[in-house]
Amino acid sequence: MFKVGDKVIKNPQTWKQNDFDSWGRGEGVGTIVEPPFSVNDIDCVDVRWDNGRCFEEISGLQLCNESKPKLES
């Protein structure tokens, strides 16, 4: 579903909080990055948030719609 480079946000309906939320996990827009090692758990992806990086369950994320309205000329 997700691929490296995708922009994601937390899904407020399925997000599971944990201790890492205290440093900003799940805040703002995250980017899916290549994990530093092989990951056998296909239900997780490596996400770089503004304040750090964390493995996230796919079910807790959704794609970010960053489309912005075009400026009128």
PDB file of N, CA and C in Angstrom:
ATOM      1  N   MET A   1       0.823  -1.186   0.000  1.00  0.00           N
ATOM      2  CA  MET A   1       0.000   0.000   0.000  1.00  0.00           C
ATOM      3  C   MET A   1       0.872   1.257   0.000  1.00  0.00           C
ATOM      4  N   PHE A   2       1.773   1.384   0.980  1.00  0.00           N
ATOM      5  CA  PHE A   2       2.663   2.538   1.032  1.00  0.00           C
ATOM      6  C   PHE A   2       3.994   2.196   0.382  1.00  0.00           C
ATOM      7  N   LYS A   3       4.665   3.230  -0.141  1.00  0.00           N
ATOM      8  CA  LYS A   3       5.990   3.027  -0.715  1.00  0.00           C
ATOM      9  C   LYS A   3       6.919   4.121  -0.203  1.00  0.00           C
ATOM     10  N   VAL A   4       8.207   3.880  -0.290  1.00  0.00           N
ATOM     11  CA  VAL A   4       9.197   4.862   0.149  1.00  0.00           C
ATOM     12  C   VAL A   4       8.940   6.183  -0.568  1.00  0.00           C
ATOM     13  N   GLY A   5       8.920   7.254   0.204  1.00  0.00           N
ATOM     14  CA  GLY A   5       8.676   8.584  -0.338  1.00  0.00           C
ATOM     15  C   GLY A   5       7.261   9.089  -0.136  1.00  0.00           C
ATOM     16  N   ASP A   6       6.321   8.183   0.165  1.00  0.00           N
ATOM     17  CA  ASP A   6       4.940   8.610   0.405  1.00  0.00           C
ATOM     18  C   ASP A   6       4.858   9.504   1.629  1.00  0.00           C
ATOM     19  N   LYS A   7       4.007  10.503   1.570  1.00  0.00           N
ATOM     20  CA  LYS A   7       3.723  11.395   2.698  1.00  0.00           C
ATOM     21  C   LYS A   7       2.501  10.827   3.428  1.00  0.00           C
ATOM     22  N   VAL A   8       2.614  10.723   4.751  1.00  0.00           N
ATOM     23  CA  VAL A   8       1.538  10.135   5.542  1.00  0.00           C
ATOM     24  C   VAL A   8       1.224  10.991   6.764  1.00  0.00           C
ATOM     25  N   ILE A   9       0.032  10.805   7.275  1.00  0.00           N
ATOM     26  CA  ILE A   9      -0.378  11.388   8.542  1.00  0.00           C
ATOM     27  C   ILE A   9      -0.987  10.263   9.367  1.00  0.00           C
ATOM     28  N   LYS A  10      -1.100  10.487  10.661  1.00  0.00           N
ATOM     29  CA  LYS A  10      -1.719   9.459  11.487  1.00  0.00           C
ATOM     30  C   LYS A  10      -3.208   9.422  11.192  1.00  0.00           C
ATOM     31  N   ASN A  11      -3.767   8.239  11.263  1.00  0.00           N
ATOM     32  CA  ASN A  11      -5.202   8.060  11.103  1.00  0.00           C
ATOM     33  C   ASN A  11      -5.807   8.177  12.494  1.00  0.00           C
ATOM     34  N   PRO A  12      -6.530   9.266  12.786  1.00  0.00           N
ATOM     35  CA  PRO A  12      -7.014   9.481  14.150  1.00  0.00           C
ATOM     36  C   PRO A  12      -7.950   8.386  14.649  1.00  0.00           C
ATOM     37  N   GLN A  13      -8.558   7.637  13.746  1.00  0.00           N
ATOM     38  CA  GLN A  13      -9.495   6.590  14.153  1.00  0.00           C
ATOM     39  C   GLN A  13      -8.800   5.282  14.518  1.00  0.00           C
ATOM     40  N   THR A  14      -7.579   5.077  14.040  1.00  0.00           N
ATOM     41  CA  THR A  14      -6.901   3.797  14.285  1.00  0.00           C
ATOM     42  C   THR A  14      -5.527   3.953  14.931  1.00  0.00           C
ATOM     43  N   TRP A  15      -5.098   5.193  15.210  1.00  0.00           N
ATOM     44  CA  TRP A  15      -3.784   5.467  15.782  1.00  0.00           C
ATOM     45  C   TRP A  15      -3.679   4.868  17.175  1.00  0.00           C
ATOM     46  N   LYS A  16      -2.590   4.162  17.439  1.00  0.00           N
ATOM     47  CA  LYS A  16      -2.324   3.601  18.770  1.00  0.00           C
ATOM     48  C   LYS A  16      -1.199   4.401  19.408  1.00  0.00           C
ATOM     49  N   GLN A  17      -1.526   5.144  20.449  1.00  0.00           N
ATOM     50  CA  GLN A  17      -0.515   5.945  21.125  1.00  0.00           C
ATOM     51  C   GLN A  17       0.470   5.050  21.866  1.00  0.00           C
ATOM     52  N   ASN A  18       1.712   5.549  21.980  1.00  0.00           N
ATOM     53  CA  ASN A  18       2.713   4.883  22.812  1.00  0.00           C
ATOM     54  C   ASN A  18       3.653   5.943  23.375  1.00  0.00           C
ATOM     55  N   ASP A  19       4.666   5.535  24.091  1.00  0.00           N
ATOM     56  CA  ASP A  19       5.583   6.475  24.757  1.00  0.00           C
ATOM     57  C   ASP A  19       6.307   7.402  23.787  1.00  0.00           C
ATOM     58  N   PHE A  20       6.469   6.983  22.527  1.00  0.00           N
ATOM     59  CA  PHE A  20       7.177   7.810  21.551  1.00  0.00           C
ATOM     60  C   PHE A  20       6.370   9.034  21.131  1.00  0.00           C
ATOM     61  N   ASP A  21       5.067   9.056  21.410  1.00  0.00           N
ATOM     62  CA  ASP A  21       4.258  10.228  21.082  1.00  0.00           C
ATOM     63  C   ASP A  21       4.759  11.468  21.832  1.00  0.00           C
ATOM     64  N   SER A  22       5.440  11.265  22.957  1.00  0.00           N
ATOM     65  CA  SER A  22       5.904  12.394  23.769  1.00  0.00           C
ATOM     66  C   SER A  22       6.939  13.257  23.048  1.00  0.00           C
ATOM     67  N   TRP A  23       7.661  12.723  22.069  1.00  0.00           N
ATOM     68  CA  TRP A  23       8.640  13.533  21.335  1.00  0.00           C
ATOM     69  C   TRP A  23       8.103  14.018  19.993  1.00  0.00           C
ATOM     70  N   GLY A  24       6.841  13.724  19.691  1.00  0.00           N
ATOM     71  CA  GLY A  24       6.251  14.232  18.459  1.00  0.00           C
ATOM     72  C   GLY A  24       5.890  13.178  17.444  1.00  0.00           C
ATOM     73  N   ARG A  25       5.980  11.925  17.824  1.00  0.00           N
ATOM     74  CA  ARG A  25       5.577  10.842  16.922  1.00  0.00           C
ATOM     75  C   ARG A  25       4.124  11.074  16.501  1.00  0.00           C
ATOM     76  N   GLY A  26       3.873  11.011  15.204  1.00  0.00           N
ATOM     77  CA  GLY A  26       2.525  11.146  14.687  1.00  0.00           C
ATOM     78  C   GLY A  26       2.053  12.572  14.485  1.00  0.00           C
ATOM     79  N   GLU A  27       2.889  13.543  14.787  1.00  0.00           N
ATOM     80  CA  GLU A  27       2.504  14.943  14.601  1.00  0.00           C
ATOM     81  C   GLU A  27       2.923  15.418  13.219  1.00  0.00           C
ATOM     82  N   GLY A  28       2.049  16.130  12.559  1.00  0.00           N
ATOM     83  CA  GLY A  28       2.350  16.681  11.245  1.00  0.00           C
ATOM     84  C   GLY A  28       2.358  15.609  10.161  1.00  0.00           C
ATOM     85  N   VAL A  29       3.183  15.851   9.166  1.00  0.00           N
ATOM     86  CA  VAL A  29       3.286  14.957   8.015  1.00  0.00           C
ATOM     87  C   VAL A  29       4.580  14.165   8.119  1.00  0.00           C
ATOM     88  N   GLY A  30       4.479  12.844   7.981  1.00  0.00           N
ATOM     89  CA  GLY A  30       5.647  11.977   7.987  1.00  0.00           C
ATOM     90  C   GLY A  30       5.958  11.499   6.579  1.00  0.00           C
ATOM     91  N   THR A  31       7.164  11.005   6.400  1.00  0.00           N
ATOM     92  CA  THR A  31       7.594  10.459   5.111  1.00  0.00           C
ATOM     93  C   THR A  31       8.033   9.020   5.303  1.00  0.00           C
ATOM     94  N   ILE A  32       7.530   8.129   4.458  1.00  0.00           N
ATOM     95  CA  ILE A  32       7.965   6.729   4.485  1.00  0.00           C
ATOM     96  C   ILE A  32       9.403   6.686   3.990  1.00  0.00           C
ATOM     97  N   VAL A  33      10.281   6.057   4.774  1.00  0.00           N
ATOM     98  CA  VAL A  33      11.695   5.945   4.416  1.00  0.00           C
ATOM     99  C   VAL A  33      12.105   4.478   4.373  1.00  0.00           C
ATOM    100  N   GLU A  34      13.240   4.243   3.743  1.00  0.00           N
ATOM    101  CA  GLU A  34      13.803   2.890   3.668  1.00  0.00           C
ATOM    102  C   GLU A  34      14.294   2.499   5.058  1.00  0.00           C
ATOM    103  N   PRO A  35      13.851   1.354   5.571  1.00  0.00           N
ATOM    104  CA  PRO A  35      14.327   0.938   6.897  1.00  0.00           C
ATOM    105  C   PRO A  35      15.823   0.616   6.870  1.00  0.00           C
ATOM    106  N   PRO A  36      16.507   0.786   8.004  1.00  0.00           N
ATOM    107  CA  PRO A  36      17.951   0.563   8.050  1.00  0.00           C
ATOM    108  C   PRO A  36      18.331  -0.916   8.022  1.00  0.00           C
ATOM    109  N   PHE A  37      17.345  -1.780   8.128  1.00  0.00           N
ATOM    110  CA  PHE A  37      17.581  -3.219   8.084  1.00  0.00           C
ATOM    111  C   PHE A  37      16.347  -3.892   7.518  1.00  0.00           C
ATOM    112  N   SER A  38      16.471  -5.147   7.153  1.00  0.00           N
ATOM    113  CA  SER A  38      15.352  -5.887   6.571  1.00  0.00           C
ATOM    114  C   SER A  38      14.222  -6.022   7.588  1.00  0.00           C
ATOM    115  N   VAL A  39      13.025  -5.734   7.128  1.00  0.00           N
ATOM    116  CA  VAL A  39      11.853  -5.813   7.999  1.00  0.00           C
ATOM    117  C   VAL A  39      10.956  -6.920   7.483  1.00  0.00           C
ATOM    118  N   ASN A  40      10.754  -7.937   8.314  1.00  0.00           N
ATOM    119  CA  ASN A  40       9.901  -9.050   7.909  1.00  0.00           C
ATOM    120  C   ASN A  40       8.433  -8.783   8.183  1.00  0.00           C
ATOM    121  N   ASP A  41       8.151  -7.806   9.023  1.00  0.00           N
ATOM    122  CA  ASP A  41       6.783  -7.485   9.387  1.00  0.00           C
ATOM    123  C   ASP A  41       6.210  -6.559   8.316  1.00  0.00           C
ATOM    124  N   ILE A  42       5.388  -7.116   7.419  1.00  0.00           N
ATOM    125  CA  ILE A  42       4.860  -6.308   6.321  1.00  0.00           C
ATOM    126  C   ILE A  42       3.736  -5.380   6.768  1.00  0.00           C
ATOM    127  N   ASP A  43       3.365  -5.448   8.038  1.00  0.00           N
ATOM    128  CA  ASP A  43       2.314  -4.576   8.557  1.00  0.00           C
ATOM    129  C   ASP A  43       2.879  -3.280   9.121  1.00  0.00           C
ATOM    130  N   CYS A  44       4.195  -3.065   9.004  1.00  0.00           N
ATOM    131  CA  CYS A  44       4.837  -1.866   9.536  1.00  0.00           C
ATOM    132  C   CYS A  44       5.690  -1.193   8.467  1.00  0.00           C
ATOM    133  N   VAL A  45       5.823   0.125   8.599  1.00  0.00           N
ATOM    134  CA  VAL A  45       6.707   0.894   7.728  1.00  0.00           C
ATOM    135  C   VAL A  45       7.533   1.834   8.605  1.00  0.00           C
ATOM    136  N   ASP A  46       8.662   2.275   8.087  1.00  0.00           N
ATOM    137  CA  ASP A  46       9.539   3.201   8.786  1.00  0.00           C
ATOM    138  C   ASP A  46       9.151   4.612   8.364  1.00  0.00           C
ATOM    139  N   VAL A  47       8.801   5.456   9.339  1.00  0.00           N
ATOM    140  CA  VAL A  47       8.334   6.809   9.041  1.00  0.00           C
ATOM    141  C   VAL A  47       9.241   7.832   9.711  1.00  0.00           C
ATOM    142  N   ARG A  48       9.647   8.836   8.942  1.00  0.00           N
ATOM    143  CA  ARG A  48      10.409   9.959   9.500  1.00  0.00           C
ATOM    144  C   ARG A  48       9.414  11.090   9.751  1.00  0.00           C
ATOM    145  N   TRP A  49       9.223  11.385  11.033  1.00  0.00           N
ATOM    146  CA  TRP A  49       8.396  12.512  11.458  1.00  0.00           C
ATOM    147  C   TRP A  49       9.296  13.725  11.618  1.00  0.00           C
ATOM    148  N   ASP A  50       8.737  14.893  11.849  1.00  0.00           N
ATOM    149  CA  ASP A  50       9.546  16.111  12.001  1.00  0.00           C
ATOM    150  C   ASP A  50      10.580  15.984  13.108  1.00  0.00           C
ATOM    151  N   ASN A  51      10.234  15.300  14.204  1.00  0.00           N
ATOM    152  CA  ASN A  51      11.134  15.230  15.357  1.00  0.00           C
ATOM    153  C   ASN A  51      11.849  13.897  15.527  1.00  0.00           C
ATOM    154  N   GLY A  52      11.695  12.987  14.600  1.00  0.00           N
ATOM    155  CA  GLY A  52      12.357  11.700  14.737  1.00  0.00           C
ATOM    156  C   GLY A  52      11.771  10.664  13.798  1.00  0.00           C
ATOM    157  N   ARG A  53      12.145   9.445  14.046  1.00  0.00           N
ATOM    158  CA  ARG A  53      11.799   8.358  13.148  1.00  0.00           C
ATOM    159  C   ARG A  53      11.279   7.192  13.964  1.00  0.00           C
ATOM    160  N   CYS A  54      10.269   6.471  13.428  1.00  0.00           N
ATOM    161  CA  CYS A  54       9.674   5.386  14.187  1.00  0.00           C
ATOM    162  C   CYS A  54       9.016   4.388  13.232  1.00  0.00           C
ATOM    163  N   PHE A  55       9.044   3.115  13.595  1.00  0.00           N
ATOM    164  CA  PHE A  55       8.284   2.122  12.853  1.00  0.00           C
ATOM    165  C   PHE A  55       6.823   2.278  13.225  1.00  0.00           C
ATOM    166  N   GLU A  56       5.952   2.282  12.221  1.00  0.00           N
ATOM    167  CA  GLU A  56       4.524   2.496  12.435  1.00  0.00           C
ATOM    168  C   GLU A  56       3.713   1.368  11.812  1.00  0.00           C
ATOM    169  N   GLU A  57       2.632   1.010  12.484  1.00  0.00           N
ATOM    170  CA  GLU A  57       1.688   0.062  11.909  1.00  0.00           C
ATOM    171  C   GLU A  57       0.966   0.750  10.753  1.00  0.00           C
ATOM    172  N   ILE A  58       0.856   0.055   9.635  1.00  0.00           N
ATOM    173  CA  ILE A  58       0.188   0.604   8.457  1.00  0.00           C
ATOM    174  C   ILE A  58      -1.247   1.006   8.784  1.00  0.00           C
ATOM    175  N   SER A  59      -1.899   0.237   9.629  1.00  0.00           N
ATOM    176  CA  SER A  59      -3.300   0.519   9.963  1.00  0.00           C
ATOM    177  C   SER A  59      -3.475   1.860  10.671  1.00  0.00           C
ATOM    178  N   GLY A  60      -2.414   2.408  11.263  1.00  0.00           N
ATOM    179  CA  GLY A  60      -2.491   3.672  11.975  1.00  0.00           C
ATOM    180  C   GLY A  60      -2.174   4.888  11.125  1.00  0.00           C
ATOM    181  N   LEU A  61      -1.954   4.672   9.819  1.00  0.00           N
ATOM    182  CA  LEU A  61      -1.553   5.757   8.925  1.00  0.00           C
ATOM    183  C   LEU A  61      -2.546   5.937   7.791  1.00  0.00           C
ATOM    184  N   GLN A  62      -2.492   7.099   7.190  1.00  0.00           N
ATOM    185  CA  GLN A  62      -3.221   7.338   5.949  1.00  0.00           C
ATOM    186  C   GLN A  62      -2.386   8.270   5.087  1.00  0.00           C
ATOM    187  N   LEU A  63      -2.574   8.179   3.781  1.00  0.00           N
ATOM    188  CA  LEU A  63      -1.842   9.053   2.875  1.00  0.00           C
ATOM    189  C   LEU A  63      -2.231  10.495   3.129  1.00  0.00           C
ATOM    190  N   CYS A  64      -1.270  11.373   3.010  1.00  0.00           N
ATOM    191  CA  CYS A  64      -1.495  12.800   3.210  1.00  0.00           C
ATOM    192  C   CYS A  64      -1.854  13.415   1.864  1.00  0.00           C
ATOM    193  N   ASN A  65      -2.930  14.148   1.852  1.00  0.00           N
ATOM    194  CA  ASN A  65      -3.317  14.869   0.644  1.00  0.00           C
ATOM    195  C   ASN A  65      -2.734  16.265   0.754  1.00  0.00           C
ATOM    196  N   GLU A  66      -1.592  16.465   0.129  1.00  0.00           N
ATOM    197  CA  GLU A  66      -0.908  17.755   0.209  1.00  0.00           C
ATOM    198  C   GLU A  66      -1.248  18.674  -0.953  1.00  0.00           C
ATOM    199  N   SER A  67      -2.274  18.305  -1.714  1.00  0.00           N
ATOM    200  CA  SER A  67      -2.606  19.146  -2.853  1.00  0.00           C
ATOM    201  C   SER A  67      -3.049  20.519  -2.374  1.00  0.00           C
ATOM    202  N   LYS A  68      -2.507  21.518  -3.000  1.00  0.00           N
ATOM    203  CA  LYS A  68      -2.817  22.898  -2.625  1.00  0.00           C
ATOM    204  C   LYS A  68      -3.533  23.558  -3.793  1.00  0.00           C
ATOM    205  N   PRO A  69      -4.455  24.447  -3.501  1.00  0.00           N
ATOM    206  CA  PRO A  69      -5.140  25.119  -4.598  1.00  0.00           C
ATOM    207  C   PRO A  69      -4.162  25.953  -5.438  1.00  0.00           C
ATOM    208  N   LYS A  70      -4.395  25.976  -6.729  1.00  0.00           N
ATOM    209  CA  LYS A  70      -3.538  26.765  -7.605  1.00  0.00           C
ATOM    210  C   LYS A  70      -3.805  28.247  -7.370  1.00  0.00           C
ATOM    211  N   LEU A  71      -2.742  29.023  -7.429  1.00  0.00           N
ATOM    212  CA  LEU A  71      -2.878  30.464  -7.268  1.00  0.00           C
ATOM    213  C   LEU A  71      -3.483  31.051  -8.551  1.00  0.00           C
ATOM    214  N   GLU A  72      -4.406  31.949  -8.364  1.00  0.00           N
ATOM    215  CA  GLU A  72      -4.995  32.589  -9.538  1.00  0.00           C
ATOM    216  C   GLU A  72      -4.019  33.633 -10.067  1.00  0.00           C
ATOM    217  N   SER A  73      -3.932  33.715 -11.404  1.00  0.00           N
ATOM    218  CA  SER A  73      -3.024  34.708 -11.991  1.00  0.00           C
ATOM    219  C   SER A  73      -3.790  35.861 -12.570  1.00  0.00           C
TER     220      SER A  73
END
